[in-house]
């Protein structure tokens, strides 16, 4: 088994699709009133499913996990935060050096966390 799809339960797939289109810099490959799908890379997809439509039903929502995006430099982390601020997105963690690398965190409209980081070298 090789996981190739991450699905987030969202209040509004259309609103979330706007967020992820801006974050990822690409269009959804599939979109309907209750679902949107983005290619994250050659093998992995991100689905945004209307929470009221999820089967089997779930009461769980965003905030208990993160989507991690690795970048090549601290400047890219800082640039991502500048984009987030310009877009009016929350900065849950300003750029910070932690043991695993230089990192910052935002959240999508449903509270799903998105972490951008440059891993510690060596």
PDB file of N, CA and C in Angstrom:
ATOM      1  N   UNK A   1       0.838  -1.177   0.000  1.00  0.00           N
ATOM      2  CA  UNK A   1       0.000   0.000   0.000  1.00  0.00           C
ATOM      3  C   UNK A   1       0.888   1.247   0.000  1.00  0.00           C
ATOM      4  N   UNK A   2       0.500   2.207  -0.819  1.00  0.00           N
ATOM      5  CA  UNK A   2       1.212   3.482  -0.857  1.00  0.00           C
ATOM      6  C   UNK A   2       0.186   4.605  -0.853  1.00  0.00           C
ATOM      7  N   UNK A   3       0.091   5.341   0.264  1.00  0.00           N
ATOM      8  CA  UNK A   3      -0.881   6.439   0.320  1.00  0.00           C
ATOM      9  C   UNK A   3      -0.628   7.452  -0.798  1.00  0.00           C
ATOM     10  N   UNK A   4      -1.710   7.887  -1.445  1.00  0.00           N
ATOM     11  CA  UNK A   4      -1.561   8.836  -2.541  1.00  0.00           C
ATOM     12  C   UNK A   4      -2.646   9.905  -2.541  1.00  0.00           C
ATOM     13  N   UNK A   5      -3.436   9.969  -1.464  1.00  0.00           N
ATOM     14  CA  UNK A   5      -4.491  10.973  -1.406  1.00  0.00           C
ATOM     15  C   UNK A   5      -4.760  11.355   0.044  1.00  0.00           C
ATOM     16  N   UNK A   6      -4.775  12.651   0.290  1.00  0.00           N
ATOM     17  CA  UNK A   6      -5.110  13.212   1.583  1.00  0.00           C
ATOM     18  C   UNK A   6      -6.428  13.947   1.391  1.00  0.00           C
ATOM     19  N   UNK A   7      -7.413  13.681   2.253  1.00  0.00           N
ATOM     20  CA  UNK A   7      -8.713  14.342   2.130  1.00  0.00           C
ATOM     21  C   UNK A   7      -8.992  15.130   3.405  1.00  0.00           C
ATOM     22  N   UNK A   8      -9.310  16.399   3.222  1.00  0.00           N
ATOM     23  CA  UNK A   8      -9.682  17.266   4.334  1.00  0.00           C
ATOM     24  C   UNK A   8     -11.182  17.517   4.287  1.00  0.00           C
ATOM     25  N   UNK A   9     -11.822  17.500   5.456  1.00  0.00           N
ATOM     26  CA  UNK A   9     -13.240  17.818   5.548  1.00  0.00           C
ATOM     27  C   UNK A   9     -13.351  19.333   5.727  1.00  0.00           C
ATOM     28  N   UNK A  10     -14.098  19.983   4.852  1.00  0.00           N
ATOM     29  CA  UNK A  10     -14.175  21.448   4.839  1.00  0.00           C
ATOM     30  C   UNK A  10     -15.624  21.918   4.822  1.00  0.00           C
ATOM     31  N   UNK A  11     -15.846  23.120   5.280  1.00  0.00           N
ATOM     32  CA  UNK A  11     -17.203  23.686   5.262  1.00  0.00           C
ATOM     33  C   UNK A  11     -17.621  24.059   3.850  1.00  0.00           C
ATOM     34  N   UNK A  12     -16.704  24.622   3.077  1.00  0.00           N
ATOM     35  CA  UNK A  12     -17.016  25.069   1.724  1.00  0.00           C
ATOM     36  C   UNK A  12     -15.881  24.674   0.781  1.00  0.00           C
ATOM     37  N   UNK A  13     -16.071  23.633  -0.027  1.00  0.00           N
ATOM     38  CA  UNK A  13     -15.028  23.260  -0.980  1.00  0.00           C
ATOM     39  C   UNK A  13     -14.635  24.409  -1.911  1.00  0.00           C
ATOM     40  N   UNK A  14     -15.578  25.259  -2.278  1.00  0.00           N
ATOM     41  CA  UNK A  14     -15.254  26.385  -3.163  1.00  0.00           C
ATOM     42  C   UNK A  14     -14.314  27.369  -2.466  1.00  0.00           C
ATOM     43  N   UNK A  15     -14.600  27.720  -1.216  1.00  0.00           N
ATOM     44  CA  UNK A  15     -13.747  28.638  -0.466  1.00  0.00           C
ATOM     45  C   UNK A  15     -12.374  28.014  -0.216  1.00  0.00           C
ATOM     46  N   UNK A  16     -12.363  26.752   0.174  1.00  0.00           N
ATOM     47  CA  UNK A  16     -11.092  26.069   0.421  1.00  0.00           C
ATOM     48  C   UNK A  16     -10.277  25.929  -0.860  1.00  0.00           C
ATOM     49  N   UNK A  17     -10.955  25.700  -1.983  1.00  0.00           N
ATOM     50  CA  UNK A  17     -10.251  25.597  -3.261  1.00  0.00           C
ATOM     51  C   UNK A  17      -9.559  26.913  -3.606  1.00  0.00           C
ATOM     52  N   UNK A  18     -10.186  28.041  -3.294  1.00  0.00           N
ATOM     53  CA  UNK A  18      -9.533  29.335  -3.525  1.00  0.00           C
ATOM     54  C   UNK A  18      -8.257  29.452  -2.698  1.00  0.00           C
ATOM     55  N   UNK A  19      -8.325  29.034  -1.429  1.00  0.00           N
ATOM     56  CA  UNK A  19      -7.151  29.061  -0.559  1.00  0.00           C
ATOM     57  C   UNK A  19      -6.034  28.193  -1.127  1.00  0.00           C
ATOM     58  N   UNK A  20      -6.348  26.936  -1.457  1.00  0.00           N
ATOM     59  CA  UNK A  20      -5.306  26.017  -1.922  1.00  0.00           C
ATOM     60  C   UNK A  20      -4.808  26.368  -3.321  1.00  0.00           C
ATOM     61  N   UNK A  21      -5.653  26.954  -4.156  1.00  0.00           N
ATOM     62  CA  UNK A  21      -5.189  27.434  -5.465  1.00  0.00           C
ATOM     63  C   UNK A  21      -4.125  28.504  -5.259  1.00  0.00           C
ATOM     64  N   UNK A  22      -4.370  29.430  -4.346  1.00  0.00           N
ATOM     65  CA  UNK A  22      -3.393  30.485  -4.066  1.00  0.00           C
ATOM     66  C   UNK A  22      -2.145  29.923  -3.386  1.00  0.00           C
ATOM     67  N   UNK A  23      -2.322  29.017  -2.431  1.00  0.00           N
ATOM     68  CA  UNK A  23      -1.190  28.433  -1.712  1.00  0.00           C
ATOM     69  C   UNK A  23      -0.290  27.627  -2.638  1.00  0.00           C
ATOM     70  N   UNK A  24      -0.906  26.779  -3.462  1.00  0.00           N
ATOM     71  CA  UNK A  24      -0.146  25.856  -4.308  1.00  0.00           C
ATOM     72  C   UNK A  24       0.240  26.452  -5.658  1.00  0.00           C
ATOM     73  N   UNK A  25      -0.437  27.523  -6.059  1.00  0.00           N
ATOM     74  CA  UNK A  25      -0.143  28.129  -7.349  1.00  0.00           C
ATOM     75  C   UNK A  25      -0.595  27.287  -8.520  1.00  0.00           C
ATOM     76  N   UNK A  26      -1.697  26.552  -8.332  1.00  0.00           N
ATOM     77  CA  UNK A  26      -2.247  25.727  -9.416  1.00  0.00           C
ATOM     78  C   UNK A  26      -3.744  25.561  -9.248  1.00  0.00           C
ATOM     79  N   UNK A  27      -4.378  25.216 -10.342  1.00  0.00           N
ATOM     80  CA  UNK A  27      -5.829  25.019 -10.353  1.00  0.00           C
ATOM     81  C   UNK A  27      -6.185  23.617  -9.845  1.00  0.00           C
ATOM     82  N   UNK A  28      -7.402  23.486  -9.365  1.00  0.00           N
ATOM     83  CA  UNK A  28      -7.935  22.164  -9.013  1.00  0.00           C
ATOM     84  C   UNK A  28      -8.047  21.331 -10.285  1.00  0.00           C
ATOM     85  N   UNK A  29      -7.788  20.036 -10.165  1.00  0.00           N
ATOM     86  CA  UNK A  29      -7.931  19.141 -11.316  1.00  0.00           C
ATOM     87  C   UNK A  29      -9.358  18.616 -11.411  1.00  0.00           C
ATOM     88  N   UNK A  30     -10.100  18.797 -10.320  1.00  0.00           N
ATOM     89  CA  UNK A  30     -11.505  18.373 -10.282  1.00  0.00           C
ATOM     90  C   UNK A  30     -12.219  19.284  -9.291  1.00  0.00           C
ATOM     91  N   UNK A  31     -13.446  19.702  -9.628  1.00  0.00           N
ATOM     92  CA  UNK A  31     -14.195  20.529  -8.692  1.00  0.00           C
ATOM     93  C   UNK A  31     -15.688  20.389  -8.945  1.00  0.00           C
ATOM     94  N   UNK A  32     -16.420  20.218  -7.850  1.00  0.00           N
ATOM     95  CA  UNK A  32     -17.880  20.166  -7.880  1.00  0.00           C
ATOM     96  C   UNK A  32     -18.362  20.935  -6.652  1.00  0.00           C
ATOM     97  N   UNK A  33     -19.661  21.106  -6.479  1.00  0.00           N
ATOM     98  CA  UNK A  33     -20.135  21.848  -5.302  1.00  0.00           C
ATOM     99  C   UNK A  33     -19.692  21.236  -3.965  1.00  0.00           C
ATOM    100  N   UNK A  34     -19.482  19.924  -3.912  1.00  0.00           N
ATOM    101  CA  UNK A  34     -19.155  19.263  -2.650  1.00  0.00           C
ATOM    102  C   UNK A  34     -17.741  18.714  -2.568  1.00  0.00           C
ATOM    103  N   UNK A  35     -16.904  18.988  -3.585  1.00  0.00           N
ATOM    104  CA  UNK A  35     -15.567  18.384  -3.586  1.00  0.00           C
ATOM    105  C   UNK A  35     -14.639  19.146  -4.523  1.00  0.00           C
ATOM    106  N   UNK A  36     -13.368  19.201  -4.158  1.00  0.00           N
ATOM    107  CA  UNK A  36     -12.326  19.737  -5.048  1.00  0.00           C
ATOM    108  C   UNK A  36     -11.080  18.879  -4.853  1.00  0.00           C
ATOM    109  N   UNK A  37     -10.280  18.748  -5.915  1.00  0.00           N
ATOM    110  CA  UNK A  37      -9.077  17.916  -5.862  1.00  0.00           C
ATOM    111  C   UNK A  37      -7.916  18.655  -6.508  1.00  0.00           C
ATOM    112  N   UNK A  38      -6.760  18.635  -5.815  1.00  0.00           N
ATOM    113  CA  UNK A  38      -5.530  19.234  -6.306  1.00  0.00           C
ATOM    114  C   UNK A  38      -4.433  18.188  -6.381  1.00  0.00           C
ATOM    115  N   UNK A  39      -3.584  18.298  -7.392  1.00  0.00           N
ATOM    116  CA  UNK A  39      -2.369  17.489  -7.463  1.00  0.00           C
ATOM    117  C   UNK A  39      -1.335  18.167  -6.565  1.00  0.00           C
ATOM    118  N   UNK A  40      -0.799  17.440  -5.585  1.00  0.00           N
ATOM    119  CA  UNK A  40       0.263  17.990  -4.753  1.00  0.00           C
ATOM    120  C   UNK A  40       1.624  17.747  -5.396  1.00  0.00           C
ATOM    121  N   UNK A  41       1.766  16.570  -6.003  1.00  0.00           N
ATOM    122  CA  UNK A  41       2.970  16.208  -6.748  1.00  0.00           C
ATOM    123  C   UNK A  41       2.577  15.123  -7.734  1.00  0.00           C
ATOM    124  N   UNK A  42       3.542  14.473  -8.357  1.00  0.00           N
ATOM    125  CA  UNK A  42       3.237  13.478  -9.395  1.00  0.00           C
ATOM    126  C   UNK A  42       2.390  12.311  -8.903  1.00  0.00           C
ATOM    127  N   UNK A  43       2.399  12.043  -7.605  1.00  0.00           N
ATOM    128  CA  UNK A  43       1.701  10.863  -7.103  1.00  0.00           C
ATOM    129  C   UNK A  43       0.684  11.143  -6.010  1.00  0.00           C
ATOM    130  N   UNK A  44       0.627  12.357  -5.497  1.00  0.00           N
ATOM    131  CA  UNK A  44      -0.208  12.620  -4.331  1.00  0.00           C
ATOM    132  C   UNK A  44      -1.244  13.703  -4.615  1.00  0.00           C
ATOM    133  N   UNK A  45      -2.477  13.429  -4.208  1.00  0.00           N
ATOM    134  CA  UNK A  45      -3.602  14.335  -4.410  1.00  0.00           C
ATOM    135  C   UNK A  45      -4.071  14.887  -3.057  1.00  0.00           C
ATOM    136  N   UNK A  46      -4.690  16.057  -3.101  1.00  0.00           N
ATOM    137  CA  UNK A  46      -5.332  16.655  -1.937  1.00  0.00           C
ATOM    138  C   UNK A  46      -6.797  16.854  -2.280  1.00  0.00           C
ATOM    139  N   UNK A  47      -7.682  16.190  -1.525  1.00  0.00           N
ATOM    140  CA  UNK A  47      -9.114  16.334  -1.720  1.00  0.00           C
ATOM    141  C   UNK A  47      -9.715  17.227  -0.648  1.00  0.00           C
ATOM    142  N   UNK A  48     -10.694  18.025  -1.036  1.00  0.00           N
ATOM    143  CA  UNK A  48     -11.420  18.910  -0.127  1.00  0.00           C
ATOM    144  C   UNK A  48     -12.889  18.520  -0.201  1.00  0.00           C
ATOM    145  N   UNK A  49     -13.382  17.834   0.812  1.00  0.00           N
ATOM    146  CA  UNK A  49     -14.713  17.246   0.789  1.00  0.00           C
ATOM    147  C   UNK A  49     -15.629  18.024   1.725  1.00  0.00           C
ATOM    148  N   UNK A  50     -16.809  18.390   1.253  1.00  0.00           N
ATOM    149  CA  UNK A  50     -17.789  19.104   2.077  1.00  0.00           C
ATOM    150  C   UNK A  50     -18.110  18.267   3.314  1.00  0.00           C
ATOM    151  N   UNK A  51     -17.850  18.822   4.494  1.00  0.00           N
ATOM    152  CA  UNK A  51     -17.993  18.075   5.744  1.00  0.00           C
ATOM    153  C   UNK A  51     -19.396  17.503   5.924  1.00  0.00           C
ATOM    154  N   UNK A  52     -20.415  18.231   5.461  1.00  0.00           N
ATOM    155  CA  UNK A  52     -21.792  17.752   5.633  1.00  0.00           C
ATOM    156  C   UNK A  52     -22.114  16.565   4.719  1.00  0.00           C
ATOM    157  N   UNK A  53     -21.232  16.295   3.769  1.00  0.00           N
ATOM    158  CA  UNK A  53     -21.460  15.233   2.784  1.00  0.00           C
ATOM    159  C   UNK A  53     -20.593  13.993   3.007  1.00  0.00           C
ATOM    160  N   UNK A  54     -19.667  14.044   3.967  1.00  0.00           N
ATOM    161  CA  UNK A  54     -18.709  12.951   4.192  1.00  0.00           C
ATOM    162  C   UNK A  54     -19.448  11.682   4.602  1.00  0.00           C
ATOM    163  N   UNK A  55     -19.067  10.575   3.969  1.00  0.00           N
ATOM    164  CA  UNK A  55     -19.632   9.260   4.296  1.00  0.00           C
ATOM    165  C   UNK A  55     -18.513   8.281   4.576  1.00  0.00           C
ATOM    166  N   UNK A  56     -18.509   7.608   5.710  1.00  0.00           N
ATOM    167  CA  UNK A  56     -19.452   7.788   6.810  1.00  0.00           C
ATOM    168  C   UNK A  56     -19.222   9.150   7.476  1.00  0.00           C
ATOM    169  N   UNK A  57     -20.254   9.671   8.086  1.00  0.00           N
ATOM    170  CA  UNK A  57     -20.216  10.991   8.708  1.00  0.00           C
ATOM    171  C   UNK A  57     -19.109  11.063   9.760  1.00  0.00           C
ATOM    172  N   UNK A  58     -18.545  12.254   9.910  1.00  0.00           N
ATOM    173  CA  UNK A  58     -17.501  12.495  10.898  1.00  0.00           C
ATOM    174  C   UNK A  58     -17.738  13.844  11.556  1.00  0.00           C
ATOM    175  N   UNK A  59     -17.517  13.904  12.856  1.00  0.00           N
ATOM    176  CA  UNK A  59     -17.644  15.173  13.567  1.00  0.00           C
ATOM    177  C   UNK A  59     -16.287  15.854  13.716  1.00  0.00           C
ATOM    178  N   UNK A  60     -15.216  15.200  13.287  1.00  0.00           N
ATOM    179  CA  UNK A  60     -13.875  15.761  13.413  1.00  0.00           C
ATOM    180  C   UNK A  60     -13.640  16.818  12.348  1.00  0.00           C
ATOM    181  N   UNK A  61     -12.891  17.863  12.705  1.00  0.00           N
ATOM    182  CA  UNK A  61     -12.575  18.949  11.791  1.00  0.00           C
ATOM    183  C   UNK A  61     -11.102  19.308  11.922  1.00  0.00           C
ATOM    184  N   UNK A  62     -10.694  20.362  11.248  1.00  0.00           N
ATOM    185  CA  UNK A  62      -9.296  20.746  11.128  1.00  0.00           C
ATOM    186  C   UNK A  62      -8.610  21.166  12.415  1.00  0.00           C
ATOM    187  N   UNK A  63      -7.272  21.170  12.355  1.00  0.00           N
ATOM    188  CA  UNK A  63      -6.458  21.653  13.453  1.00  0.00           C
ATOM    189  C   UNK A  63      -5.660  20.585  14.163  1.00  0.00           C
ATOM    190  N   UNK A  64      -5.973  19.312  13.968  1.00  0.00           N
ATOM    191  CA  UNK A  64      -5.283  18.246  14.674  1.00  0.00           C
ATOM    192  C   UNK A  64      -4.154  17.616  13.895  1.00  0.00           C
ATOM    193  N   UNK A  65      -3.829  18.168  12.743  1.00  0.00           N
ATOM    194  CA  UNK A  65      -2.749  17.644  11.909  1.00  0.00           C
ATOM    195  C   UNK A  65      -2.241  18.790  11.038  1.00  0.00           C
ATOM    196  N   UNK A  66      -1.185  18.533  10.281  1.00  0.00           N
ATOM    197  CA  UNK A  66      -0.614  19.568   9.427  1.00  0.00           C
ATOM    198  C   UNK A  66      -0.279  19.013   8.055  1.00  0.00           C
ATOM    199  N   UNK A  67      -0.322  19.900   7.074  1.00  0.00           N
ATOM    200  CA  UNK A  67       0.243  19.626   5.760  1.00  0.00           C
ATOM    201  C   UNK A  67       1.605  20.306   5.773  1.00  0.00           C
ATOM    202  N   UNK A  68       2.659  19.556   5.497  1.00  0.00           N
ATOM    203  CA  UNK A  68       4.013  20.108   5.503  1.00  0.00           C
ATOM    204  C   UNK A  68       4.507  20.356   4.094  1.00  0.00           C
ATOM    205  N   UNK A  69       5.114  21.519   3.887  1.00  0.00           N
ATOM    206  CA  UNK A  69       5.677  21.876   2.589  1.00  0.00           C
ATOM    207  C   UNK A  69       7.146  22.221   2.809  1.00  0.00           C
ATOM    208  N   UNK A  70       8.031  21.419   2.246  1.00  0.00           N
ATOM    209  CA  UNK A  70       9.467  21.636   2.371  1.00  0.00           C
ATOM    210  C   UNK A  70       9.936  22.625   1.316  1.00  0.00           C
ATOM    211  N   UNK A  71      10.739  23.596   1.729  1.00  0.00           N
ATOM    212  CA  UNK A  71      11.333  24.566   0.808  1.00  0.00           C
ATOM    213  C   UNK A  71      12.849  24.510   0.962  1.00  0.00           C
ATOM    214  N   UNK A  72      13.557  25.177   0.053  1.00  0.00           N
ATOM    215  CA  UNK A  72      15.009  25.066   0.015  1.00  0.00           C
ATOM    216  C   UNK A  72      15.786  26.107   0.782  1.00  0.00           C
ATOM    217  N   UNK A  73      15.101  27.143   1.289  1.00  0.00           N
ATOM    218  CA  UNK A  73      15.852  28.187   1.994  1.00  0.00           C
ATOM    219  C   UNK A  73      14.972  28.879   3.025  1.00  0.00           C
ATOM    220  N   UNK A  74      15.639  29.533   3.978  1.00  0.00           N
ATOM    221  CA  UNK A  74      14.916  30.318   4.971  1.00  0.00           C
ATOM    222  C   UNK A  74      14.199  31.484   4.297  1.00  0.00           C
ATOM    223  N   UNK A  75      14.795  32.034   3.241  1.00  0.00           N
ATOM    224  CA  UNK A  75      14.164  33.140   2.513  1.00  0.00           C
ATOM    225  C   UNK A  75      12.821  32.715   1.924  1.00  0.00           C
ATOM    226  N   UNK A  76      12.704  31.455   1.497  1.00  0.00           N
ATOM    227  CA  UNK A  76      11.427  30.965   0.960  1.00  0.00           C
ATOM    228  C   UNK A  76      10.370  30.873   2.058  1.00  0.00           C
ATOM    229  N   UNK A  77      10.779  30.520   3.263  1.00  0.00           N
ATOM    230  CA  UNK A  77       9.842  30.513   4.396  1.00  0.00           C
ATOM    231  C   UNK A  77       9.355  31.933   4.641  1.00  0.00           C
ATOM    232  N   UNK A  78      10.296  32.882   4.701  1.00  0.00           N
ATOM    233  CA  UNK A  78       9.925  34.281   4.928  1.00  0.00           C
ATOM    234  C   UNK A  78       9.018  34.805   3.812  1.00  0.00           C
ATOM    235  N   UNK A  79       9.313  34.437   2.574  1.00  0.00           N
ATOM    236  CA  UNK A  79       8.496  34.871   1.434  1.00  0.00           C
ATOM    237  C   UNK A  79       7.087  34.295   1.528  1.00  0.00           C
ATOM    238  N   UNK A  80       6.971  33.035   1.948  1.00  0.00           N
ATOM    239  CA  UNK A  80       5.650  32.419   2.099  1.00  0.00           C
ATOM    240  C   UNK A  80       4.822  33.191   3.123  1.00  0.00           C
ATOM    241  N   UNK A  81       5.440  33.566   4.229  1.00  0.00           N
ATOM    242  CA  UNK A  81       4.724  34.311   5.268  1.00  0.00           C
ATOM    243  C   UNK A  81       4.281  35.668   4.736  1.00  0.00           C
ATOM    244  N   UNK A  82       5.099  36.308   3.928  1.00  0.00           N
ATOM    245  CA  UNK A  82       4.711  37.594   3.332  1.00  0.00           C
ATOM    246  C   UNK A  82       3.479  37.424   2.447  1.00  0.00           C
ATOM    247  N   UNK A  83       3.429  36.331   1.686  1.00  0.00           N
ATOM    248  CA  UNK A  83       2.268  36.042   0.843  1.00  0.00           C
ATOM    249  C   UNK A  83       1.036  35.799   1.714  1.00  0.00           C
ATOM    250  N   UNK A  84       1.194  35.035   2.786  1.00  0.00           N
ATOM    251  CA  UNK A  84       0.075  34.756   3.689  1.00  0.00           C
ATOM    252  C   UNK A  84      -0.491  36.050   4.257  1.00  0.00           C
ATOM    253  N   UNK A  85       0.402  36.918   4.731  1.00  0.00           N
ATOM    254  CA  UNK A  85      -0.047  38.187   5.318  1.00  0.00           C
ATOM    255  C   UNK A  85      -0.773  39.036   4.284  1.00  0.00           C
ATOM    256  N   UNK A  86      -0.235  39.095   3.064  1.00  0.00           N
ATOM    257  CA  UNK A  86      -0.865  39.889   1.998  1.00  0.00           C
ATOM    258  C   UNK A  86      -2.247  39.344   1.652  1.00  0.00           C
ATOM    259  N   UNK A  87      -2.417  38.024   1.767  1.00  0.00           N
ATOM    260  CA  UNK A  87      -3.697  37.392   1.464  1.00  0.00           C
ATOM    261  C   UNK A  87      -4.675  37.470   2.641  1.00  0.00           C
ATOM    262  N   UNK A  88      -4.198  37.916   3.791  1.00  0.00           N
ATOM    263  CA  UNK A  88      -5.052  37.998   4.976  1.00  0.00           C
ATOM    264  C   UNK A  88      -5.193  36.674   5.705  1.00  0.00           C
ATOM    265  N   UNK A  89      -4.292  35.730   5.440  1.00  0.00           N
ATOM    266  CA  UNK A  89      -4.343  34.428   6.115  1.00  0.00           C
ATOM    267  C   UNK A  89      -3.693  34.544   7.489  1.00  0.00           C
ATOM    268  N   UNK A  90      -4.128  33.736   8.440  1.00  0.00           N
ATOM    269  CA  UNK A  90      -3.531  33.806   9.778  1.00  0.00           C
ATOM    270  C   UNK A  90      -2.099  33.269   9.769  1.00  0.00           C
ATOM    271  N   UNK A  91      -1.257  33.893  10.554  1.00  0.00           N
ATOM    272  CA  UNK A  91       0.094  33.365  10.781  1.00  0.00           C
ATOM    273  C   UNK A  91       0.066  32.785  12.187  1.00  0.00           C
ATOM    274  N   UNK A  92      -0.064  31.459  12.261  1.00  0.00           N
ATOM    275  CA  UNK A  92      -0.154  30.785  13.553  1.00  0.00           C
ATOM    276  C   UNK A  92       1.213  30.684  14.217  1.00  0.00           C
ATOM    277  N   UNK A  93       2.252  30.632  13.396  1.00  0.00           N
ATOM    278  CA  UNK A  93       3.619  30.639  13.907  1.00  0.00           C
ATOM    279  C   UNK A  93       4.460  31.474  12.953  1.00  0.00           C
ATOM    280  N   UNK A  94       4.999  32.569  13.459  1.00  0.00           N
ATOM    281  CA  UNK A  94       5.911  33.393  12.660  1.00  0.00           C
ATOM    282  C   UNK A  94       7.178  32.577  12.385  1.00  0.00           C
ATOM    283  N   UNK A  95       7.949  32.949  11.386  1.00  0.00           N
ATOM    284  CA  UNK A  95       9.178  32.200  11.101  1.00  0.00           C
ATOM    285  C   UNK A  95      10.019  32.005  12.366  1.00  0.00           C
ATOM    286  N   UNK A  96      10.334  30.739  12.606  1.00  0.00           N
ATOM    287  CA  UNK A  96      10.999  30.336  13.842  1.00  0.00           C
ATOM    288  C   UNK A  96      11.986  29.219  13.549  1.00  0.00           C
ATOM    289  N   UNK A  97      13.130  29.254  14.215  1.00  0.00           N
ATOM    290  CA  UNK A  97      14.097  28.154  14.119  1.00  0.00           C
ATOM    291  C   UNK A  97      13.756  27.125  15.198  1.00  0.00           C
ATOM    292  N   UNK A  98      13.407  25.925  14.773  1.00  0.00           N
ATOM    293  CA  UNK A  98      13.148  24.816  15.692  1.00  0.00           C
ATOM    294  C   UNK A  98      14.176  23.726  15.426  1.00  0.00           C
ATOM    295  N   UNK A  99      14.154  22.660  16.204  1.00  0.00           N
ATOM    296  CA  UNK A  99      15.173  21.628  16.047  1.00  0.00           C
ATOM    297  C   UNK A  99      15.161  20.961  14.676  1.00  0.00           C
ATOM    298  N   UNK A 100      14.023  20.892  14.016  1.00  0.00           N
ATOM    299  CA  UNK A 100      13.941  20.236  12.704  1.00  0.00           C
ATOM    300  C   UNK A 100      14.165  21.188  11.539  1.00  0.00           C
ATOM    301  N   UNK A 101      14.157  22.515  11.819  1.00  0.00           N
ATOM    302  CA  UNK A 101      14.391  23.467  10.743  1.00  0.00           C
ATOM    303  C   UNK A 101      13.740  24.815  10.996  1.00  0.00           C
ATOM    304  N   UNK A 102      13.825  25.669   9.990  1.00  0.00           N
ATOM    305  CA  UNK A 102      13.247  27.009  10.028  1.00  0.00           C
ATOM    306  C   UNK A 102      11.833  26.901   9.478  1.00  0.00           C
ATOM    307  N   UNK A 103      10.835  27.397  10.218  1.00  0.00           N
ATOM    308  CA  UNK A 103       9.455  27.054   9.903  1.00  0.00           C
ATOM    309  C   UNK A 103       8.475  28.169  10.223  1.00  0.00           C
ATOM    310  N   UNK A 104       7.308  28.106   9.590  1.00  0.00           N
ATOM    311  CA  UNK A 104       6.184  28.998   9.875  1.00  0.00           C
ATOM    312  C   UNK A 104       4.898  28.232   9.564  1.00  0.00           C
ATOM    313  N   UNK A 105       3.781  28.667  10.180  1.00  0.00           N
ATOM    314  CA  UNK A 105       2.516  27.946  10.031  1.00  0.00           C
ATOM    315  C   UNK A 105       1.372  28.919   9.764  1.00  0.00           C
ATOM    316  N   UNK A 106       0.506  28.554   8.817  1.00  0.00           N
ATOM    317  CA  UNK A 106      -0.749  29.249   8.569  1.00  0.00           C
ATOM    318  C   UNK A 106      -1.877  28.225   8.704  1.00  0.00           C
ATOM    319  N   UNK A 107      -3.092  28.642   8.412  1.00  0.00           N
ATOM    320  CA  UNK A 107      -4.233  27.726   8.456  1.00  0.00           C
ATOM    321  C   UNK A 107      -5.187  28.070   7.329  1.00  0.00           C
ATOM    322  N   UNK A 108      -5.856  27.038   6.816  1.00  0.00           N
ATOM    323  CA  UNK A 108      -6.863  27.256   5.773  1.00  0.00           C
ATOM    324  C   UNK A 108      -8.167  27.739   6.423  1.00  0.00           C
ATOM    325  N   UNK A 109      -9.204  28.008   5.649  1.00  0.00           N
ATOM    326  CA  UNK A 109     -10.445  28.545   6.224  1.00  0.00           C
ATOM    327  C   UNK A 109     -11.100  27.643   7.271  1.00  0.00           C
ATOM    328  N   UNK A 110     -10.764  26.349   7.288  1.00  0.00           N
ATOM    329  CA  UNK A 110     -11.350  25.421   8.253  1.00  0.00           C
ATOM    330  C   UNK A 110     -10.426  25.110   9.416  1.00  0.00           C
ATOM    331  N   UNK A 111      -9.278  25.774   9.479  1.00  0.00           N
ATOM    332  CA  UNK A 111      -8.351  25.549  10.582  1.00  0.00           C
ATOM    333  C   UNK A 111      -7.341  24.445  10.338  1.00  0.00           C
ATOM    334  N   UNK A 112      -7.311  23.862   9.142  1.00  0.00           N
ATOM    335  CA  UNK A 112      -6.281  22.881   8.817  1.00  0.00           C
ATOM    336  C   UNK A 112      -4.949  23.616   8.717  1.00  0.00           C
ATOM    337  N   UNK A 113      -3.969  23.161   9.466  1.00  0.00           N
ATOM    338  CA  UNK A 113      -2.672  23.834   9.498  1.00  0.00           C
ATOM    339  C   UNK A 113      -1.823  23.473   8.286  1.00  0.00           C
ATOM    340  N   UNK A 114      -1.095  24.488   7.804  1.00  0.00           N
ATOM    341  CA  UNK A 114      -0.141  24.303   6.710  1.00  0.00           C
ATOM    342  C   UNK A 114       1.197  24.846   7.206  1.00  0.00           C
ATOM    343  N   UNK A 115       2.202  23.979   7.269  1.00  0.00           N
ATOM    344  CA  UNK A 115       3.537  24.345   7.741  1.00  0.00           C
ATOM    345  C   UNK A 115       4.490  24.367   6.554  1.00  0.00           C
ATOM    346  N   UNK A 116       5.205  25.474   6.396  1.00  0.00           N
ATOM    347  CA  UNK A 116       6.277  25.545   5.410  1.00  0.00           C
ATOM    348  C   UNK A 116       7.576  25.537   6.210  1.00  0.00           C
ATOM    349  N   UNK A 117       8.580  24.770   5.733  1.00  0.00           N
ATOM    350  CA  UNK A 117       9.819  24.696   6.502  1.00  0.00           C
ATOM    351  C   UNK A 117      11.017  24.350   5.613  1.00  0.00           C
ATOM    352  N   UNK A 118      12.150  24.861   6.062  1.00  0.00           N
ATOM    353  CA  UNK A 118      13.433  24.466   5.486  1.00  0.00           C
ATOM    354  C   UNK A 118      14.070  23.561   6.516  1.00  0.00           C
ATOM    355  N   UNK A 119      14.263  22.270   6.167  1.00  0.00           N
ATOM    356  CA  UNK A 119      14.831  21.322   7.142  1.00  0.00           C
ATOM    357  C   UNK A 119      16.226  21.728   7.580  1.00  0.00           C
ATOM    358  N   UNK A 120      16.544  21.389   8.824  1.00  0.00           N
ATOM    359  CA  UNK A 120      17.892  21.573   9.344  1.00  0.00           C
ATOM    360  C   UNK A 120      18.850  20.727   8.516  1.00  0.00           C
ATOM    361  N   UNK A 121      19.950  21.306   8.140  1.00  0.00           N
ATOM    362  CA  UNK A 121      20.946  20.590   7.327  1.00  0.00           C
ATOM    363  C   UNK A 121      21.876  19.811   8.241  1.00  0.00           C
ATOM    364  N   UNK A 122      22.275  18.604   7.750  1.00  0.00           N
ATOM    365  CA  UNK A 122      23.267  17.801   8.474  1.00  0.00           C
ATOM    366  C   UNK A 122      22.632  17.017   9.523  1.00  0.00           C
TER     367      UNK A 122
END
